[in-house]
């Protein structure tokens, strides 16, 4: 599942014209702290933001991000409640001072990158959600992006009349959209025929 999750994240950032570098192509026998970093992303043409950056990012916020270190937590059946975060401290290893400083050198000396965590979901309740965000902030996370945001954006941007043969993920989304659209048209025609027969 981790490779699928990482593919979603890579395609999402590339679709928004980021340059994406995967931290490591192999899995080390002994997991180290820096292995929790999945991607370095760079926006070649960032826009200047007016106002404060939101903690929970949407696609409209991406143009204002210049560079970031991204960790992907593709636990798709989990909600990142404050209790879950407290019981899983390894989530925050990639923001450790030493690890972050070493990783930031990838970008040179042109400013500090954001630390972005890609998560399955935050709690729905207002108080529980606020508690999770407060804990994430306190651990050094600058922003989070839910997988739901990424998937919805990918689905919305994929065009059914294009062939995405260079990307298995995008091609699969295209096929699913085409199939769904065909079924919807078929369903509408069936309903119209049924109504016409009834009226007749």
N, C-alpha and C. Protein backbone atom coordinates (compact mmCIF):
# COMPACT_ATOMS: atom_id res chain seq x y z
N UNK A 1 0.83 -1.22 0.00
CA UNK A 1 0.00 0.00 0.00
C UNK A 1 0.86 1.26 0.00
N UNK A 2 2.06 1.19 0.62
CA UNK A 2 2.89 2.39 0.69
C UNK A 2 3.28 2.89 -0.69
N UNK A 3 3.59 1.96 -1.65
CA UNK A 3 3.98 2.39 -2.97
C UNK A 3 2.82 3.05 -3.70
N UNK A 4 1.60 2.55 -3.50
CA UNK A 4 0.42 3.17 -4.10
C UNK A 4 0.22 4.57 -3.53
N UNK A 5 0.34 4.69 -2.23
CA UNK A 5 0.17 5.99 -1.57
C UNK A 5 1.20 6.99 -2.07
N UNK A 6 2.44 6.54 -2.21
CA UNK A 6 3.49 7.43 -2.68
C UNK A 6 3.26 7.83 -4.14
N UNK A 7 2.74 6.91 -4.93
CA UNK A 7 2.42 7.24 -6.32
C UNK A 7 1.36 8.32 -6.40
N UNK A 8 0.35 8.22 -5.55
CA UNK A 8 -0.70 9.24 -5.51
C UNK A 8 -0.11 10.60 -5.19
N UNK A 9 0.78 10.63 -4.19
CA UNK A 9 1.38 11.91 -3.77
C UNK A 9 2.26 12.48 -4.88
N UNK A 10 3.07 11.63 -5.49
CA UNK A 10 3.94 12.11 -6.58
C UNK A 10 3.11 12.68 -7.73
N UNK A 11 2.10 11.94 -8.17
CA UNK A 11 1.28 12.40 -9.29
C UNK A 11 0.56 13.71 -8.94
N UNK A 12 0.15 13.83 -7.71
CA UNK A 12 -0.56 15.04 -7.27
C UNK A 12 0.34 16.27 -7.40
N UNK A 13 1.55 16.17 -6.86
CA UNK A 13 2.45 17.32 -6.93
C UNK A 13 2.90 17.59 -8.36
N UNK A 14 3.17 16.54 -9.12
CA UNK A 14 3.58 16.75 -10.51
C UNK A 14 2.46 17.38 -11.33
N UNK A 15 1.23 17.00 -11.04
CA UNK A 15 0.10 17.58 -11.76
C UNK A 15 -0.01 19.08 -11.50
N UNK A 16 0.52 19.50 -10.34
CA UNK A 16 0.53 20.92 -10.01
C UNK A 16 1.88 21.57 -10.33
N UNK A 17 2.63 20.90 -11.23
CA UNK A 17 3.86 21.45 -11.82
C UNK A 17 5.00 21.60 -10.83
N UNK A 18 5.01 20.76 -9.80
CA UNK A 18 6.15 20.70 -8.89
C UNK A 18 7.20 19.76 -9.46
N UNK A 19 8.46 20.05 -9.18
CA UNK A 19 9.53 19.11 -9.42
C UNK A 19 9.62 18.20 -8.20
N UNK A 20 9.59 16.89 -8.42
CA UNK A 20 9.49 15.94 -7.32
C UNK A 20 10.68 14.99 -7.35
N UNK A 21 11.32 14.87 -6.22
CA UNK A 21 12.43 13.92 -6.09
C UNK A 21 12.12 12.96 -4.95
N UNK A 22 12.18 11.67 -5.26
CA UNK A 22 11.98 10.67 -4.21
C UNK A 22 13.26 10.55 -3.40
N UNK A 23 13.10 10.50 -2.06
CA UNK A 23 14.27 10.49 -1.21
C UNK A 23 15.13 9.25 -1.42
N UNK A 24 14.49 8.08 -1.52
CA UNK A 24 15.26 6.85 -1.68
C UNK A 24 14.43 5.83 -2.44
N UNK A 25 15.05 5.14 -3.38
CA UNK A 25 14.35 4.17 -4.22
C UNK A 25 14.35 2.77 -3.62
N UNK A 26 15.16 2.55 -2.61
CA UNK A 26 15.24 1.22 -2.02
C UNK A 26 14.82 1.27 -0.56
N UNK A 27 14.55 0.10 0.01
CA UNK A 27 14.20 -0.02 1.42
C UNK A 27 15.40 -0.56 2.17
N UNK A 28 15.93 0.22 3.11
CA UNK A 28 17.10 -0.20 3.86
C UNK A 28 16.74 -1.33 4.82
N UNK A 29 17.72 -2.22 5.07
CA UNK A 29 17.48 -3.32 6.00
C UNK A 29 17.20 -2.81 7.40
N UNK A 30 17.90 -1.76 7.79
CA UNK A 30 17.67 -1.12 9.09
C UNK A 30 17.08 0.26 8.84
N UNK A 31 15.86 0.47 9.30
CA UNK A 31 15.17 1.74 9.05
C UNK A 31 15.80 2.85 9.87
N UNK A 32 16.15 3.94 9.20
CA UNK A 32 16.71 5.11 9.87
C UNK A 32 15.72 6.26 9.86
N UNK A 33 16.02 7.26 10.67
CA UNK A 33 15.08 8.38 10.80
C UNK A 33 14.85 9.08 9.48
N UNK A 34 15.92 9.24 8.69
CA UNK A 34 15.77 9.95 7.43
C UNK A 34 14.94 9.17 6.41
N UNK A 35 14.73 7.87 6.67
CA UNK A 35 13.91 7.07 5.76
C UNK A 35 12.43 7.44 5.84
N UNK A 36 12.04 8.21 6.86
CA UNK A 36 10.65 8.63 6.98
C UNK A 36 10.31 9.76 6.03
N UNK A 37 11.32 10.35 5.41
CA UNK A 37 11.09 11.37 4.38
C UNK A 37 10.87 10.68 3.06
N UNK A 38 9.78 11.00 2.39
CA UNK A 38 9.46 10.34 1.13
C UNK A 38 9.80 11.17 -0.10
N UNK A 39 9.52 12.48 -0.04
CA UNK A 39 9.73 13.31 -1.23
C UNK A 39 10.29 14.68 -0.86
N UNK A 40 11.06 15.22 -1.81
CA UNK A 40 11.41 16.64 -1.80
C UNK A 40 10.66 17.25 -2.98
N UNK A 41 9.91 18.31 -2.75
CA UNK A 41 9.15 18.93 -3.83
C UNK A 41 9.54 20.40 -3.96
N UNK A 42 9.64 20.85 -5.20
CA UNK A 42 10.08 22.22 -5.48
C UNK A 42 9.15 22.83 -6.52
N UNK A 43 8.64 24.01 -6.21
CA UNK A 43 7.79 24.76 -7.11
C UNK A 43 8.66 25.77 -7.87
N UNK A 44 8.86 25.58 -9.18
CA UNK A 44 9.74 26.48 -9.93
C UNK A 44 9.22 27.92 -10.02
N UNK A 45 7.90 28.09 -9.88
CA UNK A 45 7.32 29.43 -10.03
C UNK A 45 6.32 29.70 -8.89
N UNK A 46 6.80 29.83 -7.67
CA UNK A 46 5.89 30.06 -6.54
C UNK A 46 5.28 31.45 -6.58
N UNK A 47 4.07 31.54 -6.06
CA UNK A 47 3.39 32.83 -5.96
C UNK A 47 3.51 33.35 -4.53
N UNK A 48 3.41 34.65 -4.38
CA UNK A 48 3.51 35.26 -3.05
C UNK A 48 2.16 35.22 -2.37
N UNK A 49 2.16 34.73 -1.15
CA UNK A 49 0.91 34.60 -0.40
C UNK A 49 0.61 35.88 0.37
N UNK A 50 -0.64 36.28 0.34
CA UNK A 50 -1.12 37.39 1.16
C UNK A 50 -1.89 36.78 2.33
N UNK A 51 -1.36 36.89 3.52
CA UNK A 51 -2.02 36.31 4.68
C UNK A 51 -1.32 35.05 5.14
N UNK A 52 -1.90 34.44 6.15
CA UNK A 52 -1.29 33.28 6.79
C UNK A 52 -1.60 31.99 6.03
N UNK A 53 -0.64 31.11 6.00
CA UNK A 53 -0.83 29.81 5.37
C UNK A 53 -1.71 28.92 6.24
N UNK A 54 -2.72 28.28 5.68
CA UNK A 54 -3.54 27.35 6.48
C UNK A 54 -2.74 26.10 6.84
N UNK A 55 -3.13 25.46 7.92
CA UNK A 55 -2.44 24.24 8.33
C UNK A 55 -2.88 23.05 7.49
N UNK A 56 -4.18 22.94 7.25
CA UNK A 56 -4.71 21.88 6.40
C UNK A 56 -4.78 22.43 4.97
N UNK A 57 -3.91 21.93 4.12
CA UNK A 57 -3.78 22.50 2.78
C UNK A 57 -4.79 21.91 1.81
N UNK A 58 -5.25 22.75 0.89
CA UNK A 58 -6.04 22.33 -0.26
C UNK A 58 -5.24 22.62 -1.52
N UNK A 59 -5.73 22.18 -2.63
CA UNK A 59 -5.01 22.37 -3.88
C UNK A 59 -4.79 23.84 -4.23
N UNK A 60 -5.71 24.69 -3.81
CA UNK A 60 -5.56 26.12 -4.11
C UNK A 60 -4.39 26.75 -3.35
N UNK A 61 -3.88 26.05 -2.35
CA UNK A 61 -2.77 26.58 -1.56
C UNK A 61 -1.40 26.22 -2.16
N UNK A 62 -1.37 25.27 -3.07
CA UNK A 62 -0.09 24.78 -3.59
C UNK A 62 0.73 25.83 -4.34
N UNK A 63 0.13 26.73 -5.11
CA UNK A 63 0.96 27.71 -5.82
C UNK A 63 1.81 28.57 -4.90
N UNK A 64 1.45 28.65 -3.62
CA UNK A 64 2.18 29.51 -2.69
C UNK A 64 3.28 28.77 -1.94
N UNK A 65 3.42 27.48 -2.20
CA UNK A 65 4.47 26.68 -1.57
C UNK A 65 5.68 26.67 -2.48
N UNK A 66 6.84 27.06 -1.95
CA UNK A 66 8.05 27.12 -2.77
C UNK A 66 8.80 25.79 -2.74
N UNK A 67 8.99 25.24 -1.55
CA UNK A 67 9.71 23.97 -1.41
C UNK A 67 9.23 23.29 -0.15
N UNK A 68 9.30 21.96 -0.15
CA UNK A 68 8.83 21.22 1.02
C UNK A 68 9.44 19.84 1.09
N UNK A 69 9.55 19.36 2.31
CA UNK A 69 9.90 17.96 2.60
C UNK A 69 8.60 17.27 2.95
N UNK A 70 8.33 16.14 2.29
CA UNK A 70 7.02 15.50 2.42
C UNK A 70 7.18 14.08 2.97
N UNK A 71 6.42 13.77 4.01
CA UNK A 71 6.34 12.42 4.54
C UNK A 71 4.92 11.90 4.30
N UNK A 72 4.82 10.66 3.84
CA UNK A 72 3.54 10.07 3.48
C UNK A 72 3.17 8.98 4.48
N UNK A 73 2.00 9.11 5.09
CA UNK A 73 1.49 8.10 6.00
C UNK A 73 0.18 7.56 5.42
N UNK A 74 0.33 6.50 4.62
CA UNK A 74 -0.82 5.97 3.89
C UNK A 74 -1.61 4.94 4.67
N UNK A 75 -1.96 5.24 5.89
CA UNK A 75 -2.75 4.33 6.72
C UNK A 75 -4.22 4.67 6.47
N UNK A 76 -4.77 4.15 5.39
CA UNK A 76 -6.05 4.65 4.88
C UNK A 76 -7.25 4.26 5.74
N UNK A 77 -7.06 3.39 6.69
CA UNK A 77 -8.18 3.05 7.58
C UNK A 77 -8.08 3.80 8.90
N UNK A 78 -7.12 4.71 9.02
CA UNK A 78 -6.87 5.40 10.28
C UNK A 78 -7.35 6.85 10.22
N UNK A 79 -7.73 7.36 11.37
CA UNK A 79 -7.95 8.79 11.56
C UNK A 79 -6.90 9.29 12.53
N UNK A 80 -6.25 10.39 12.19
CA UNK A 80 -5.16 10.88 13.02
C UNK A 80 -5.70 11.67 14.21
N UNK A 81 -6.27 10.97 15.16
CA UNK A 81 -6.74 11.59 16.40
C UNK A 81 -5.53 11.91 17.28
N UNK A 82 -5.72 12.75 18.28
CA UNK A 82 -4.62 13.09 19.17
C UNK A 82 -4.11 11.85 19.90
N UNK A 83 -5.01 10.93 20.24
CA UNK A 83 -4.60 9.69 20.90
C UNK A 83 -3.74 8.84 19.98
N UNK A 84 -4.14 8.76 18.71
CA UNK A 84 -3.37 7.99 17.73
C UNK A 84 -2.00 8.61 17.53
N UNK A 85 -1.93 9.91 17.48
CA UNK A 85 -0.66 10.60 17.30
C UNK A 85 0.25 10.39 18.49
N UNK A 86 -0.33 10.45 19.70
CA UNK A 86 0.47 10.28 20.92
C UNK A 86 1.04 8.88 21.03
N UNK A 87 0.32 7.90 20.51
CA UNK A 87 0.77 6.51 20.61
C UNK A 87 1.69 6.09 19.46
N UNK A 88 1.91 7.00 18.51
CA UNK A 88 2.75 6.68 17.36
C UNK A 88 3.78 7.79 17.14
N UNK A 89 4.76 7.92 18.02
CA UNK A 89 5.72 9.02 17.93
C UNK A 89 6.60 8.97 16.69
N UNK A 90 6.73 7.79 16.05
CA UNK A 90 7.58 7.70 14.87
C UNK A 90 7.05 8.54 13.71
N UNK A 91 5.78 8.94 13.78
CA UNK A 91 5.22 9.80 12.75
C UNK A 91 6.04 11.09 12.61
N UNK A 92 6.61 11.53 13.71
CA UNK A 92 7.26 12.85 13.74
C UNK A 92 8.77 12.78 13.59
N UNK A 93 9.31 11.60 13.32
CA UNK A 93 10.77 11.49 13.28
C UNK A 93 11.40 12.33 12.18
N UNK A 94 10.69 12.52 11.09
CA UNK A 94 11.29 13.25 9.97
C UNK A 94 11.47 14.74 10.25
N UNK A 95 10.83 15.25 11.31
CA UNK A 95 11.00 16.66 11.63
C UNK A 95 12.06 16.88 12.71
N UNK A 96 12.73 15.81 13.13
CA UNK A 96 13.82 15.96 14.09
C UNK A 96 14.88 16.91 13.57
N UNK A 97 15.49 17.66 14.44
CA UNK A 97 16.40 18.74 14.03
C UNK A 97 17.51 18.24 13.12
N UNK A 98 18.19 17.16 13.52
CA UNK A 98 19.31 16.66 12.73
C UNK A 98 18.85 16.15 11.37
N UNK A 99 17.77 15.36 11.38
CA UNK A 99 17.25 14.79 10.14
C UNK A 99 16.79 15.90 9.20
N UNK A 100 16.08 16.87 9.76
CA UNK A 100 15.55 17.96 8.93
C UNK A 100 16.68 18.79 8.34
N UNK A 101 17.69 19.10 9.14
CA UNK A 101 18.80 19.91 8.64
C UNK A 101 19.54 19.21 7.51
N UNK A 102 19.73 17.90 7.65
CA UNK A 102 20.39 17.16 6.58
C UNK A 102 19.54 17.14 5.31
N UNK A 103 18.25 16.94 5.49
CA UNK A 103 17.35 16.88 4.34
C UNK A 103 17.25 18.24 3.66
N UNK A 104 17.23 19.31 4.45
CA UNK A 104 17.08 20.66 3.89
C UNK A 104 18.25 21.03 2.99
N UNK A 105 19.39 20.39 3.17
CA UNK A 105 20.56 20.69 2.33
C UNK A 105 20.31 20.34 0.87
N UNK A 106 19.34 19.48 0.61
CA UNK A 106 18.99 19.13 -0.77
C UNK A 106 18.61 20.38 -1.55
N UNK A 107 17.98 21.34 -0.87
CA UNK A 107 17.50 22.55 -1.53
C UNK A 107 18.55 23.66 -1.57
N UNK A 108 19.71 23.42 -1.01
CA UNK A 108 20.72 24.46 -0.96
C UNK A 108 20.47 25.45 0.16
N UNK A 109 20.86 26.68 -0.05
CA UNK A 109 20.76 27.70 1.00
C UNK A 109 19.71 28.75 0.69
N UNK A 110 18.67 28.37 0.00
CA UNK A 110 17.66 29.34 -0.44
C UNK A 110 16.43 29.37 0.44
N UNK A 111 16.58 29.08 1.70
CA UNK A 111 15.44 29.13 2.60
C UNK A 111 15.07 27.77 3.13
N UNK A 112 14.31 27.77 4.20
CA UNK A 112 13.93 26.53 4.86
C UNK A 112 12.67 25.94 4.22
N UNK A 113 12.68 24.65 3.89
CA UNK A 113 11.48 24.03 3.29
C UNK A 113 10.40 23.78 4.34
N UNK A 114 9.16 23.71 3.88
CA UNK A 114 8.06 23.34 4.76
C UNK A 114 8.14 21.84 5.07
N UNK A 115 7.59 21.48 6.21
CA UNK A 115 7.49 20.06 6.59
C UNK A 115 6.03 19.67 6.47
N UNK A 116 5.73 18.92 5.41
CA UNK A 116 4.34 18.56 5.10
C UNK A 116 4.13 17.07 5.36
N UNK A 117 3.05 16.77 6.05
CA UNK A 117 2.67 15.38 6.33
C UNK A 117 1.40 15.05 5.55
N UNK A 118 1.46 14.00 4.75
CA UNK A 118 0.28 13.54 4.01
C UNK A 118 -0.40 12.47 4.85
N UNK A 119 -1.67 12.69 5.17
CA UNK A 119 -2.36 11.84 6.15
C UNK A 119 -3.66 11.29 5.56
N UNK A 120 -4.18 10.20 6.15
CA UNK A 120 -5.47 9.68 5.67
C UNK A 120 -6.63 10.61 5.99
N UNK A 121 -6.71 11.05 7.25
CA UNK A 121 -7.83 11.93 7.63
C UNK A 121 -7.60 12.49 9.03
N UNK A 122 -8.20 13.64 9.27
CA UNK A 122 -8.27 14.21 10.62
C UNK A 122 -9.66 13.92 11.19
N UNK A 123 -9.82 13.98 12.50
CA UNK A 123 -11.14 13.76 13.09
C UNK A 123 -12.17 14.74 12.55
N UNK A 124 -13.43 14.30 12.48
CA UNK A 124 -14.51 15.14 11.97
C UNK A 124 -14.98 16.16 13.01
N UNK A 125 -15.01 15.75 14.28
CA UNK A 125 -15.47 16.65 15.34
C UNK A 125 -14.56 17.84 15.51
N UNK A 126 -15.15 18.99 15.76
CA UNK A 126 -14.37 20.24 15.82
C UNK A 126 -13.31 20.20 16.90
N UNK A 127 -13.68 19.76 18.10
CA UNK A 127 -12.72 19.75 19.21
C UNK A 127 -11.62 18.73 18.97
N UNK A 128 -11.99 17.52 18.54
CA UNK A 128 -11.00 16.48 18.29
C UNK A 128 -10.06 16.89 17.16
N UNK A 129 -10.61 17.53 16.16
CA UNK A 129 -9.81 18.00 15.04
C UNK A 129 -8.81 19.06 15.51
N UNK A 130 -9.27 19.99 16.35
CA UNK A 130 -8.41 21.05 16.87
C UNK A 130 -7.28 20.46 17.72
N UNK A 131 -7.59 19.43 18.50
CA UNK A 131 -6.58 18.78 19.34
C UNK A 131 -5.51 18.12 18.49
N UNK A 132 -5.92 17.46 17.42
CA UNK A 132 -4.95 16.80 16.52
C UNK A 132 -4.05 17.84 15.85
N UNK A 133 -4.65 18.92 15.38
CA UNK A 133 -3.87 19.96 14.72
C UNK A 133 -2.88 20.59 15.69
N UNK A 134 -3.32 20.83 16.93
CA UNK A 134 -2.44 21.41 17.95
C UNK A 134 -1.25 20.50 18.22
N UNK A 135 -1.49 19.19 18.29
CA UNK A 135 -0.39 18.26 18.54
C UNK A 135 0.56 18.21 17.36
N UNK A 136 0.02 18.19 16.15
CA UNK A 136 0.87 18.16 14.96
C UNK A 136 1.75 19.41 14.89
N UNK A 137 1.16 20.54 15.19
CA UNK A 137 1.92 21.79 15.20
C UNK A 137 3.02 21.75 16.25
N UNK A 138 2.69 21.26 17.43
CA UNK A 138 3.64 21.24 18.54
C UNK A 138 4.84 20.35 18.25
N UNK A 139 4.65 19.37 17.36
CA UNK A 139 5.74 18.45 17.01
C UNK A 139 6.59 18.96 15.85
N UNK A 140 6.20 20.09 15.29
CA UNK A 140 7.01 20.69 14.23
C UNK A 140 6.49 20.53 12.83
N UNK A 141 5.28 19.98 12.67
CA UNK A 141 4.69 19.86 11.35
C UNK A 141 4.16 21.22 10.90
N UNK A 142 4.49 21.64 9.69
CA UNK A 142 4.04 22.94 9.18
C UNK A 142 2.67 22.87 8.52
N UNK A 143 2.35 21.72 7.92
CA UNK A 143 1.07 21.60 7.21
C UNK A 143 0.78 20.13 6.95
N UNK A 144 -0.50 19.83 6.73
CA UNK A 144 -0.91 18.49 6.34
C UNK A 144 -1.78 18.57 5.09
N UNK A 145 -1.77 17.48 4.32
CA UNK A 145 -2.67 17.36 3.18
C UNK A 145 -3.36 16.00 3.30
N UNK A 146 -4.68 15.96 3.41
CA UNK A 146 -5.39 14.68 3.47
C UNK A 146 -5.38 13.99 2.10
N UNK A 147 -5.35 12.67 2.11
CA UNK A 147 -5.40 11.91 0.87
C UNK A 147 -6.68 12.21 0.09
N UNK A 148 -7.77 12.46 0.82
CA UNK A 148 -9.04 12.76 0.15
C UNK A 148 -8.89 13.98 -0.77
N UNK A 149 -8.16 14.98 -0.31
CA UNK A 149 -7.92 16.18 -1.11
C UNK A 149 -7.16 15.83 -2.39
N UNK A 150 -6.13 15.02 -2.24
CA UNK A 150 -5.32 14.64 -3.40
C UNK A 150 -6.12 13.83 -4.41
N UNK A 151 -6.85 12.85 -3.94
CA UNK A 151 -7.61 11.98 -4.84
C UNK A 151 -8.71 12.76 -5.56
N UNK A 152 -9.41 13.61 -4.81
CA UNK A 152 -10.48 14.41 -5.43
C UNK A 152 -9.91 15.32 -6.51
N UNK A 153 -8.74 15.87 -6.25
CA UNK A 153 -8.11 16.76 -7.23
C UNK A 153 -7.67 16.00 -8.47
N UNK A 154 -7.08 14.82 -8.27
CA UNK A 154 -6.65 14.00 -9.41
C UNK A 154 -7.85 13.59 -10.26
N UNK A 155 -8.91 13.13 -9.61
CA UNK A 155 -10.11 12.72 -10.34
C UNK A 155 -10.69 13.89 -11.12
N UNK A 156 -10.70 15.05 -10.49
CA UNK A 156 -11.27 16.23 -11.15
C UNK A 156 -10.48 16.71 -12.35
N UNK A 157 -9.16 16.52 -12.32
CA UNK A 157 -8.31 17.05 -13.39
C UNK A 157 -8.10 16.07 -14.54
N UNK A 158 -8.35 14.80 -14.31
CA UNK A 158 -8.14 13.82 -15.37
C UNK A 158 -9.22 13.97 -16.45
N UNK A 159 -8.81 14.02 -17.71
CA UNK A 159 -9.73 14.15 -18.85
C UNK A 159 -9.91 12.79 -19.50
N UNK A 160 -11.15 12.40 -19.70
CA UNK A 160 -11.44 11.06 -20.21
C UNK A 160 -11.02 10.88 -21.67
N UNK A 161 -10.82 11.98 -22.40
CA UNK A 161 -10.44 11.88 -23.81
C UNK A 161 -8.93 11.94 -24.02
N UNK A 162 -8.18 11.80 -22.93
CA UNK A 162 -6.72 11.75 -23.04
C UNK A 162 -6.22 10.36 -22.65
N UNK A 163 -5.09 9.99 -23.24
CA UNK A 163 -4.49 8.69 -22.94
C UNK A 163 -3.29 8.91 -22.01
N UNK A 164 -3.41 8.47 -20.76
CA UNK A 164 -2.36 8.66 -19.77
C UNK A 164 -1.51 7.39 -19.66
N UNK A 165 -1.03 6.87 -20.78
CA UNK A 165 -0.35 5.60 -20.78
C UNK A 165 1.00 5.64 -20.05
N UNK A 166 1.53 6.82 -19.79
CA UNK A 166 2.79 6.93 -19.06
C UNK A 166 2.60 6.90 -17.55
N UNK A 167 1.36 6.86 -17.11
CA UNK A 167 1.06 6.80 -15.67
C UNK A 167 -0.04 5.78 -15.43
N UNK A 168 0.29 4.69 -14.76
CA UNK A 168 -0.72 3.67 -14.47
C UNK A 168 -1.85 4.23 -13.62
N UNK A 169 -1.50 5.07 -12.64
CA UNK A 169 -2.52 5.62 -11.75
C UNK A 169 -3.49 6.51 -12.51
N UNK A 170 -2.97 7.46 -13.29
CA UNK A 170 -3.84 8.39 -14.01
C UNK A 170 -4.66 7.67 -15.07
N UNK A 171 -4.06 6.66 -15.69
CA UNK A 171 -4.81 5.88 -16.68
C UNK A 171 -5.95 5.12 -16.03
N UNK A 172 -5.72 4.58 -14.84
CA UNK A 172 -6.77 3.87 -14.12
C UNK A 172 -7.91 4.81 -13.74
N UNK A 173 -7.57 6.02 -13.29
CA UNK A 173 -8.60 7.00 -12.95
C UNK A 173 -9.41 7.36 -14.19
N UNK A 174 -8.71 7.53 -15.31
CA UNK A 174 -9.40 7.85 -16.57
C UNK A 174 -10.38 6.75 -16.95
N UNK A 175 -9.95 5.50 -16.85
CA UNK A 175 -10.82 4.37 -17.19
C UNK A 175 -12.04 4.34 -16.29
N UNK A 176 -11.82 4.55 -14.99
CA UNK A 176 -12.94 4.54 -14.04
C UNK A 176 -13.91 5.68 -14.33
N UNK A 177 -13.37 6.86 -14.67
CA UNK A 177 -14.25 7.98 -15.00
C UNK A 177 -15.05 7.69 -16.27
N UNK A 178 -14.39 7.09 -17.25
CA UNK A 178 -15.09 6.75 -18.49
C UNK A 178 -16.20 5.75 -18.24
N UNK A 179 -15.90 4.73 -17.43
CA UNK A 179 -16.89 3.70 -17.12
C UNK A 179 -18.06 4.28 -16.34
N UNK A 180 -17.75 5.12 -15.36
CA UNK A 180 -18.80 5.75 -14.55
C UNK A 180 -19.69 6.63 -15.40
N UNK A 181 -19.07 7.39 -16.31
CA UNK A 181 -19.83 8.27 -17.19
C UNK A 181 -20.75 7.47 -18.10
N UNK A 182 -20.24 6.35 -18.62
CA UNK A 182 -21.04 5.51 -19.51
C UNK A 182 -22.22 4.91 -18.77
N UNK A 183 -21.99 4.46 -17.55
CA UNK A 183 -23.06 3.88 -16.76
C UNK A 183 -24.12 4.91 -16.42
N UNK A 184 -23.66 6.14 -16.15
CA UNK A 184 -24.61 7.21 -15.82
C UNK A 184 -25.50 7.52 -17.01
N UNK A 185 -24.90 7.58 -18.21
CA UNK A 185 -25.69 7.85 -19.41
C UNK A 185 -26.67 6.72 -19.68
N UNK A 186 -26.19 5.49 -19.46
CA UNK A 186 -27.06 4.33 -19.67
C UNK A 186 -28.22 4.33 -18.70
N UNK A 187 -27.94 4.70 -17.45
CA UNK A 187 -28.99 4.76 -16.43
C UNK A 187 -30.02 5.83 -16.78
N UNK A 188 -29.56 6.98 -17.24
CA UNK A 188 -30.47 8.06 -17.60
C UNK A 188 -31.36 7.67 -18.78
N UNK A 189 -30.76 6.98 -19.76
CA UNK A 189 -31.54 6.54 -20.92
C UNK A 189 -32.60 5.52 -20.50
N UNK A 190 -32.23 4.62 -19.59
CA UNK A 190 -33.17 3.61 -19.11
C UNK A 190 -34.34 4.26 -18.40
N UNK A 191 -34.04 5.26 -17.56
CA UNK A 191 -35.10 5.98 -16.85
C UNK A 191 -36.02 6.71 -17.80
N UNK A 192 -35.44 7.34 -18.82
CA UNK A 192 -36.25 8.08 -19.78
C UNK A 192 -37.14 7.15 -20.59
N UNK A 193 -36.59 5.99 -20.96
CA UNK A 193 -37.39 5.01 -21.71
C UNK A 193 -38.54 4.47 -20.87
N UNK A 194 -38.22 4.25 -19.58
CA UNK A 194 -39.27 3.74 -18.67
C UNK A 194 -40.38 4.76 -18.51
N UNK A 195 -40.02 6.03 -18.39
CA UNK A 195 -41.02 7.08 -18.24
C UNK A 195 -41.86 7.21 -19.50
N UNK A 196 -41.19 7.10 -20.68
CA UNK A 196 -41.92 7.22 -21.94
C UNK A 196 -42.91 6.08 -22.10
N UNK A 197 -42.47 4.87 -21.73
CA UNK A 197 -43.36 3.71 -21.83
C UNK A 197 -44.55 3.84 -20.90
N UNK A 198 -44.28 4.38 -19.71
CA UNK A 198 -45.36 4.55 -18.73
C UNK A 198 -46.38 5.59 -19.22
N UNK A 199 -45.87 6.67 -19.78
CA UNK A 199 -46.76 7.73 -20.28
C UNK A 199 -47.57 7.24 -21.47
N UNK A 200 -46.95 6.39 -22.26
CA UNK A 200 -47.65 5.84 -23.43
C UNK A 200 -48.79 4.92 -23.01
